[in-house]
Amino acid sequence: MEYRRLGRSGLKVSVLSFGSWITFGPQLAGNLAEQCLAAAYDAGVNFFDNAEAYAGGESERIMGEAIAKLGWARHSYVVSTKLFWGLHEGVNTKNTLNRKYLLHAIDGSLDRLGLDFVDLVFCHRADPETPIEETVFAMNDIVSSGKALYWGTSEWTADEVRSAWDIAERHHLHKPVVEQPQYNLLHRERVEKEYARLYEDIGLGLTIWSPLASGVLTGKYLDGIPEGSRGALPGYEWLRDRLTDTTAHATVRSLKSVADELGCSLAQLAIAWCAVNPHVSTVITGASRVEQVHENLRALEVMPKLDAEILARIDAIVG
């Protein structure tokens, strides 16, 4: 396993990490959750990503109980949560980053995870109705209180990230050190262009999500939506148009020739491609069974094969 610094912070995370979105709760709980976490941890994964909103809080509870049963030493892993969507109806409890919500929400996440602190806490989306200054001061207080060690953002624009960083710099507060954007072969603009100046200017780190484009890049949706897949889950109907997009499927079919030549699966190729970007601190992978964890981790073997010639061919395919 390779470990990379999270931006300019001193924190090191495994280049491949394990996340719980969609799987923990609807597809994964109990012993199976423990087995998947253990498989990742035993392979050197040290970063485990979660969020308050995943499965309505159950994802945090499942992960926390599994980690407790596995008995990992707290210093040996990095865990995150994300705050914004909220779990309770109310004007100050949904889709907000105001101070009241954030200081309540971090306590709820810690309770569900069974932890005294998280290593990373993200603002899960930007909140246009709350001044960024209020959010930055609240996140600084969460870190200063010891309930989180670092903070960052998820799916914020470059201007929003820079504004938050500048406010923290001006007031000598804890700065955001990381962004968590979507990044994959079909979704590149924000990471490769919009954020380009931020890597050098403020040392932004990235924990990227959806390296497989919600499963499109695995090729398993080329012939429709299989039973048991995330596209067939109740509540995820919004994914189906994306999963059955014919243009994306044409790209995936072309990528398969590259994967076959390298002796890897489409999923391994897609994950490895994300990981070779030097601005990516870690690629968050997901799995609903232990075999998927092992398959995803084999992307580490593909990374050295992605030389300039192969990357140029991939660029030509995806456009």
Protein backbone atom coordinates (compact mmCIF):
# COMPACT_ATOMS: atom_id res chain seq x y z
CA MET A 1 0.00 0.00 0.00
CA GLU A 2 1.17 3.52 -0.81
CA TYR A 3 0.47 6.35 1.64
CA ARG A 4 0.14 9.99 0.62
CA ARG A 5 -0.03 13.21 2.56
CA LEU A 6 -3.43 14.84 2.66
CA GLY A 7 -2.51 18.00 0.79
CA ARG A 8 0.03 19.97 2.81
CA SER A 9 -1.10 18.51 6.11
CA GLY A 10 1.07 15.97 7.87
CA LEU A 11 -1.68 13.35 7.82
CA LYS A 12 -0.99 10.33 5.61
CA VAL A 13 -3.76 8.26 4.08
CA SER A 14 -3.68 5.08 2.03
CA VAL A 15 -3.92 5.76 -1.71
CA LEU A 16 -6.93 3.45 -1.79
CA SER A 17 -9.50 3.86 0.96
CA PHE A 18 -12.86 2.38 1.88
CA GLY A 19 -16.17 4.24 1.95
CA SER A 20 -19.66 3.34 3.11
CA TRP A 21 -21.94 5.32 0.79
CA ILE A 22 -24.91 3.24 -0.47
CA THR A 23 -23.48 -0.11 0.74
CA PHE A 24 -23.57 0.30 4.54
CA GLY A 25 -27.20 -0.14 5.51
CA PRO A 26 -29.00 -1.12 2.27
CA GLN A 27 -26.50 -3.82 1.28
CA LEU A 28 -24.04 -4.28 4.11
CA ALA A 29 -24.32 -4.67 7.88
CA GLY A 30 -23.26 -6.88 10.77
CA ASN A 31 -20.65 -9.55 10.11
CA LEU A 32 -20.39 -8.71 6.42
CA ALA A 33 -19.52 -5.09 7.22
CA GLU A 34 -16.84 -6.31 9.64
CA GLN A 35 -15.43 -8.68 7.02
CA CYS A 36 -15.19 -5.96 4.36
CA LEU A 37 -13.57 -3.50 6.76
CA ALA A 38 -11.14 -6.15 7.96
CA ALA A 39 -10.19 -7.13 4.40
CA ALA A 40 -9.40 -3.51 3.56
CA TYR A 41 -7.53 -2.86 6.82
CA ASP A 42 -5.46 -6.04 6.52
CA ALA A 43 -4.38 -4.91 3.03
CA GLY A 44 -3.06 -1.62 4.42
CA VAL A 45 -6.10 0.65 4.00
CA ASN A 46 -6.08 3.18 6.83
CA PHE A 47 -8.78 5.66 5.75
CA PHE A 48 -12.49 4.90 6.17
CA ASP A 49 -15.02 7.42 4.88
CA ASN A 50 -18.54 7.98 6.15
CA ALA A 51 -21.22 10.68 6.44
CA GLU A 52 -24.07 11.62 8.73
CA ALA A 53 -26.60 11.32 5.91
CA TYR A 54 -25.59 7.86 4.66
CA ALA A 55 -28.50 5.51 5.35
CA GLY A 56 -29.99 8.12 7.67
CA GLY A 57 -27.21 7.75 10.23
CA GLU A 58 -27.16 3.94 10.15
CA SER A 59 -23.95 3.86 8.09
CA GLU A 60 -22.04 5.58 10.90
CA ARG A 61 -23.56 3.25 13.47
CA ILE A 62 -22.72 0.12 11.44
CA MET A 63 -19.13 1.26 10.85
CA GLY A 64 -18.62 2.25 14.47
CA GLU A 65 -19.92 -1.07 15.80
CA ALA A 66 -17.81 -3.02 13.31
CA ILE A 67 -14.62 -1.16 14.20
CA ALA A 68 -15.30 -1.68 17.90
CA LYS A 69 -15.75 -5.42 17.38
CA LEU A 70 -12.59 -5.61 15.27
CA GLY A 71 -10.67 -3.98 18.12
CA TRP A 72 -8.45 -1.74 16.02
CA ALA A 73 -6.12 0.59 17.89
CA ARG A 74 -7.43 4.14 17.43
CA HIS A 75 -4.06 5.42 16.22
CA SER A 76 -4.02 2.91 13.36
CA TYR A 77 -6.88 4.26 11.25
CA VAL A 78 -8.32 7.50 9.93
CA VAL A 79 -12.10 7.96 9.89
CA SER A 80 -14.18 10.78 8.46
CA THR A 81 -17.73 12.01 8.50
CA LYS A 82 -19.56 14.70 6.54
CA LEU A 83 -22.18 17.19 7.69
CA PHE A 84 -24.83 19.18 5.78
CA TRP A 85 -27.94 17.20 4.83
CA GLY A 86 -29.08 16.59 8.41
CA LEU A 87 -31.23 13.84 9.93
CA HIS A 88 -34.08 15.82 11.48
CA GLU A 89 -36.80 18.00 9.99
CA GLY A 90 -36.48 21.67 10.90
CA VAL A 91 -35.18 25.00 9.67
CA ASN A 92 -31.83 24.58 11.42
CA THR A 93 -31.35 20.86 10.91
CA LYS A 94 -31.52 20.29 7.13
CA ASN A 95 -29.29 21.42 4.26
CA THR A 96 -27.36 23.94 6.31
CA LEU A 97 -23.89 24.74 7.58
CA ASN A 98 -24.92 27.20 10.25
CA ARG A 99 -23.14 27.12 13.58
CA LYS A 100 -26.07 25.66 15.53
CA TYR A 101 -26.46 22.71 13.18
CA LEU A 102 -22.74 21.93 12.89
CA LEU A 103 -22.08 21.89 16.63
CA HIS A 104 -25.08 19.61 17.23
CA ALA A 105 -24.34 17.37 14.23
CA ILE A 106 -20.74 16.54 15.13
CA ASP A 107 -21.89 15.26 18.53
CA GLY A 108 -24.49 13.03 16.88
CA SER A 109 -21.94 11.58 14.47
CA LEU A 110 -19.48 10.84 17.25
CA ASP A 111 -22.20 9.13 19.26
CA ARG A 112 -23.19 6.89 16.33
CA LEU A 113 -19.57 6.07 15.48
CA GLY A 114 -18.76 5.41 19.14
CA LEU A 115 -15.67 7.64 18.91
CA ASP A 116 -14.28 10.55 20.91
CA PHE A 117 -13.17 12.28 17.69
CA VAL A 118 -13.08 11.87 13.93
CA ASP A 119 -9.88 12.51 12.04
CA LEU A 120 -11.63 14.41 9.24
CA VAL A 121 -14.94 16.27 9.13
CA PHE A 122 -16.25 17.58 5.83
CA CYS A 123 -18.85 20.20 4.95
CA HIS A 124 -20.79 17.85 2.69
CA ARG A 125 -21.99 20.64 0.37
CA ALA A 126 -21.76 24.42 0.33
CA ASP A 127 -24.58 26.40 1.96
CA PRO A 128 -25.45 29.58 0.06
CA GLU A 129 -27.70 30.78 2.91
CA THR A 130 -25.03 30.75 5.62
CA PRO A 131 -22.06 33.15 5.44
CA ILE A 132 -18.89 31.18 4.74
CA GLU A 133 -17.27 33.06 7.64
CA GLU A 134 -19.81 31.57 10.09
CA THR A 135 -19.12 28.08 8.78
CA VAL A 136 -15.35 28.54 8.94
CA PHE A 137 -15.50 29.75 12.56
CA ALA A 138 -17.74 26.79 13.51
CA MET A 139 -15.45 24.26 11.81
CA ASN A 140 -12.45 25.85 13.54
CA ASP A 141 -14.20 25.43 16.88
CA ILE A 142 -14.96 21.76 16.16
CA VAL A 143 -11.27 21.16 15.48
CA SER A 144 -10.13 23.26 18.44
CA SER A 145 -12.46 21.29 20.72
CA GLY A 146 -10.75 18.02 19.70
CA LYS A 147 -13.90 16.54 18.14
CA ALA A 148 -12.14 16.48 14.75
CA LEU A 149 -8.48 16.79 13.84
CA TYR A 150 -8.81 18.31 10.36
CA TRP A 151 -11.65 19.74 8.29
CA GLY A 152 -12.47 20.07 4.65
CA THR A 153 -15.19 20.46 2.05
CA SER A 154 -17.04 18.27 -0.41
CA GLU A 155 -18.22 19.42 -3.83
CA TRP A 156 -17.49 23.09 -3.15
CA THR A 157 -16.53 25.34 -6.03
CA ALA A 158 -12.94 26.52 -6.27
CA ASP A 159 -14.06 30.04 -5.33
CA GLU A 160 -15.85 28.75 -2.22
CA VAL A 161 -12.85 26.70 -1.11
CA ARG A 162 -10.50 29.65 -1.62
CA SER A 163 -12.85 31.97 0.25
CA ALA A 164 -12.98 29.61 3.24
CA TRP A 165 -9.20 29.24 3.22
CA ASP A 166 -8.67 33.02 3.02
CA ILE A 167 -11.05 33.66 5.93
CA ALA A 168 -9.22 31.09 8.06
CA GLU A 169 -5.86 32.55 7.09
CA ARG A 170 -6.98 36.09 7.91
CA HIS A 171 -8.32 35.15 11.34
CA HIS A 172 -5.61 32.59 12.22
CA LEU A 173 -8.11 29.71 12.27
CA HIS A 174 -7.79 26.05 11.29
CA LYS A 175 -7.88 25.99 7.49
CA PRO A 176 -9.67 23.49 5.25
CA VAL A 177 -7.02 21.03 4.08
CA VAL A 178 -9.01 18.72 1.81
CA GLU A 179 -11.81 18.57 -0.76
CA GLN A 180 -13.89 15.50 -1.57
CA PRO A 181 -15.12 15.78 -5.17
CA GLN A 182 -16.42 13.24 -7.61
CA TYR A 183 -13.64 12.19 -9.97
CA ASN A 184 -13.55 9.46 -12.57
CA LEU A 185 -12.93 8.88 -16.27
CA LEU A 186 -16.33 10.33 -17.09
CA HIS A 187 -16.21 13.27 -14.66
CA ARG A 188 -12.93 15.20 -14.79
CA GLU A 189 -13.52 18.93 -15.17
CA ARG A 190 -13.54 20.04 -11.53
CA VAL A 191 -10.46 18.12 -10.39
CA GLU A 192 -8.33 18.72 -13.48
CA LYS A 193 -9.33 22.30 -14.39
CA GLU A 194 -11.43 24.13 -11.81
CA TYR A 195 -9.21 23.25 -8.85
CA ALA A 196 -5.92 23.45 -10.78
CA ARG A 197 -4.64 26.60 -9.04
CA LEU A 198 -5.61 25.39 -5.55
CA TYR A 199 -3.10 22.54 -5.38
CA GLU A 200 -0.14 24.89 -5.51
CA ASP A 201 -1.72 28.00 -3.99
CA ILE A 202 -3.20 26.48 -0.81
CA GLY A 203 -1.97 22.87 -0.89
CA LEU A 204 -5.39 21.33 -1.35
CA GLY A 205 -5.62 17.57 -0.85
CA LEU A 206 -8.28 15.36 -2.48
CA THR A 207 -10.22 12.34 -1.20
CA ILE A 208 -12.11 11.52 -4.37
CA TRP A 209 -15.40 9.62 -4.57
CA SER A 210 -17.14 7.56 -7.26
CA PRO A 211 -14.04 6.38 -9.16
CA LEU A 212 -16.31 3.87 -10.94
CA ALA A 213 -18.97 6.47 -11.82
CA SER A 214 -21.54 4.68 -9.64
CA GLY A 215 -20.62 1.38 -11.30
CA VAL A 216 -20.87 2.50 -14.94
CA LEU A 217 -17.11 2.01 -15.44
CA THR A 218 -17.25 -1.60 -14.23
CA GLY A 219 -19.18 -2.58 -17.37
CA LYS A 220 -21.83 -4.43 -15.37
CA TYR A 221 -24.61 -2.15 -16.65
CA LEU A 222 -23.84 -2.62 -20.35
CA ASP A 223 -26.72 -5.09 -20.71
CA GLY A 224 -29.16 -3.47 -18.29
CA ILE A 225 -29.45 -3.14 -14.50
CA PRO A 226 -28.72 -6.44 -12.71
CA GLU A 227 -30.75 -7.48 -9.69
CA GLY A 228 -28.96 -6.75 -6.44
CA SER A 229 -26.89 -3.90 -7.90
CA ARG A 230 -27.14 -0.36 -6.56
CA GLY A 231 -29.16 0.63 -9.63
CA ALA A 232 -31.87 -1.79 -8.52
CA LEU A 233 -32.05 -0.55 -4.91
CA PRO A 234 -35.22 1.24 -3.75
CA GLY A 235 -34.54 4.95 -3.39
CA TYR A 236 -31.81 5.02 -6.03
CA GLU A 237 -34.06 5.42 -9.06
CA TRP A 238 -32.29 8.73 -9.75
CA LEU A 239 -29.18 6.73 -10.71
CA ARG A 240 -30.81 4.71 -13.45
CA ASP A 241 -30.57 7.23 -16.29
CA ARG A 242 -26.85 7.59 -15.59
CA LEU A 243 -26.31 3.85 -15.39
CA THR A 244 -27.99 3.24 -18.74
CA ASP A 245 -26.43 6.16 -20.65
CA THR A 246 -25.54 4.86 -24.12
CA THR A 247 -22.70 7.36 -24.69
CA ALA A 248 -21.01 6.28 -21.47
CA HIS A 249 -21.51 2.63 -22.41
CA ALA A 250 -19.74 3.20 -25.75
CA THR A 251 -16.78 4.67 -23.85
CA VAL A 252 -16.72 1.71 -21.45
CA ARG A 253 -16.69 -0.78 -24.35
CA SER A 254 -13.68 1.01 -25.83
CA LEU A 255 -11.89 1.05 -22.47
CA LYS A 256 -12.32 -2.71 -22.16
CA SER A 257 -9.67 -3.30 -24.84
CA VAL A 258 -7.15 -1.38 -22.72
CA ALA A 259 -8.12 -3.31 -19.59
CA ASP A 260 -7.81 -6.62 -21.45
CA GLU A 261 -4.37 -5.66 -22.71
CA LEU A 262 -3.23 -4.82 -19.17
CA GLY A 263 -4.76 -8.02 -17.77
CA CYS A 264 -7.10 -6.27 -15.38
CA SER A 265 -10.79 -5.60 -14.93
CA LEU A 266 -12.48 -2.38 -16.03
CA ALA A 267 -12.98 -1.50 -12.36
CA GLN A 268 -9.29 -1.92 -11.58
CA LEU A 269 -8.33 0.20 -14.57
CA ALA A 270 -10.72 3.00 -13.56
CA ILE A 271 -9.53 3.04 -9.93
CA ALA A 272 -5.85 2.94 -10.93
CA TRP A 273 -6.38 5.78 -13.40
CA CYS A 274 -7.74 8.00 -10.61
CA ALA A 275 -4.92 7.03 -8.26
CA VAL A 276 -2.09 7.95 -10.64
CA ASN A 277 -3.19 11.59 -10.57
CA PRO A 278 -0.59 13.12 -8.20
CA HIS A 279 -3.13 15.59 -6.80
CA VAL A 280 -5.33 12.74 -5.50
CA SER A 281 -4.51 11.86 -1.90
CA THR A 282 -6.80 8.84 -1.81
CA VAL A 283 -9.40 7.09 -3.96
CA ILE A 284 -12.47 6.08 -1.96
CA THR A 285 -13.67 2.63 -3.03
CA GLY A 286 -16.79 0.77 -1.95
CA ALA A 287 -17.86 -2.85 -1.82
CA SER A 288 -20.87 -4.93 -0.83
CA ARG A 289 -18.89 -8.14 -0.42
CA VAL A 290 -15.36 -9.15 0.56
CA GLU A 291 -14.49 -10.33 -2.97
CA GLN A 292 -15.10 -6.81 -4.26
CA VAL A 293 -12.71 -5.38 -1.67
CA HIS A 294 -9.94 -7.70 -2.89
CA GLU A 295 -10.71 -6.97 -6.54
CA ASN A 296 -10.62 -3.21 -6.02
CA LEU A 297 -7.34 -3.40 -4.14
CA ARG A 298 -5.71 -5.12 -7.10
CA ALA A 299 -5.82 -1.72 -8.78
CA LEU A 300 -2.53 -1.16 -6.94
CA GLU A 301 -0.96 -3.67 -9.35
CA VAL A 302 -2.33 -1.77 -12.35
CA MET A 303 -0.99 1.66 -11.38
CA PRO A 304 2.64 1.01 -12.50
CA LYS A 305 1.33 -0.11 -15.90
CA LEU A 306 -0.30 3.22 -16.64
CA ASP A 307 2.59 4.84 -18.48
CA ALA A 308 2.35 7.93 -20.69
CA GLU A 309 1.40 5.91 -23.77
CA ILE A 310 -1.46 4.07 -22.02
CA LEU A 311 -2.73 7.28 -20.42
CA ALA A 312 -2.73 9.00 -23.82
CA ARG A 313 -4.78 6.13 -25.27
CA ILE A 314 -7.25 6.40 -22.42
CA ASP A 315 -7.54 10.15 -22.98
CA ALA A 316 -8.24 9.55 -26.66
CA ILE A 317 -11.05 7.15 -25.73
CA VAL A 318 -12.78 9.27 -23.10
CA GLY A 319 -12.23 12.58 -24.90
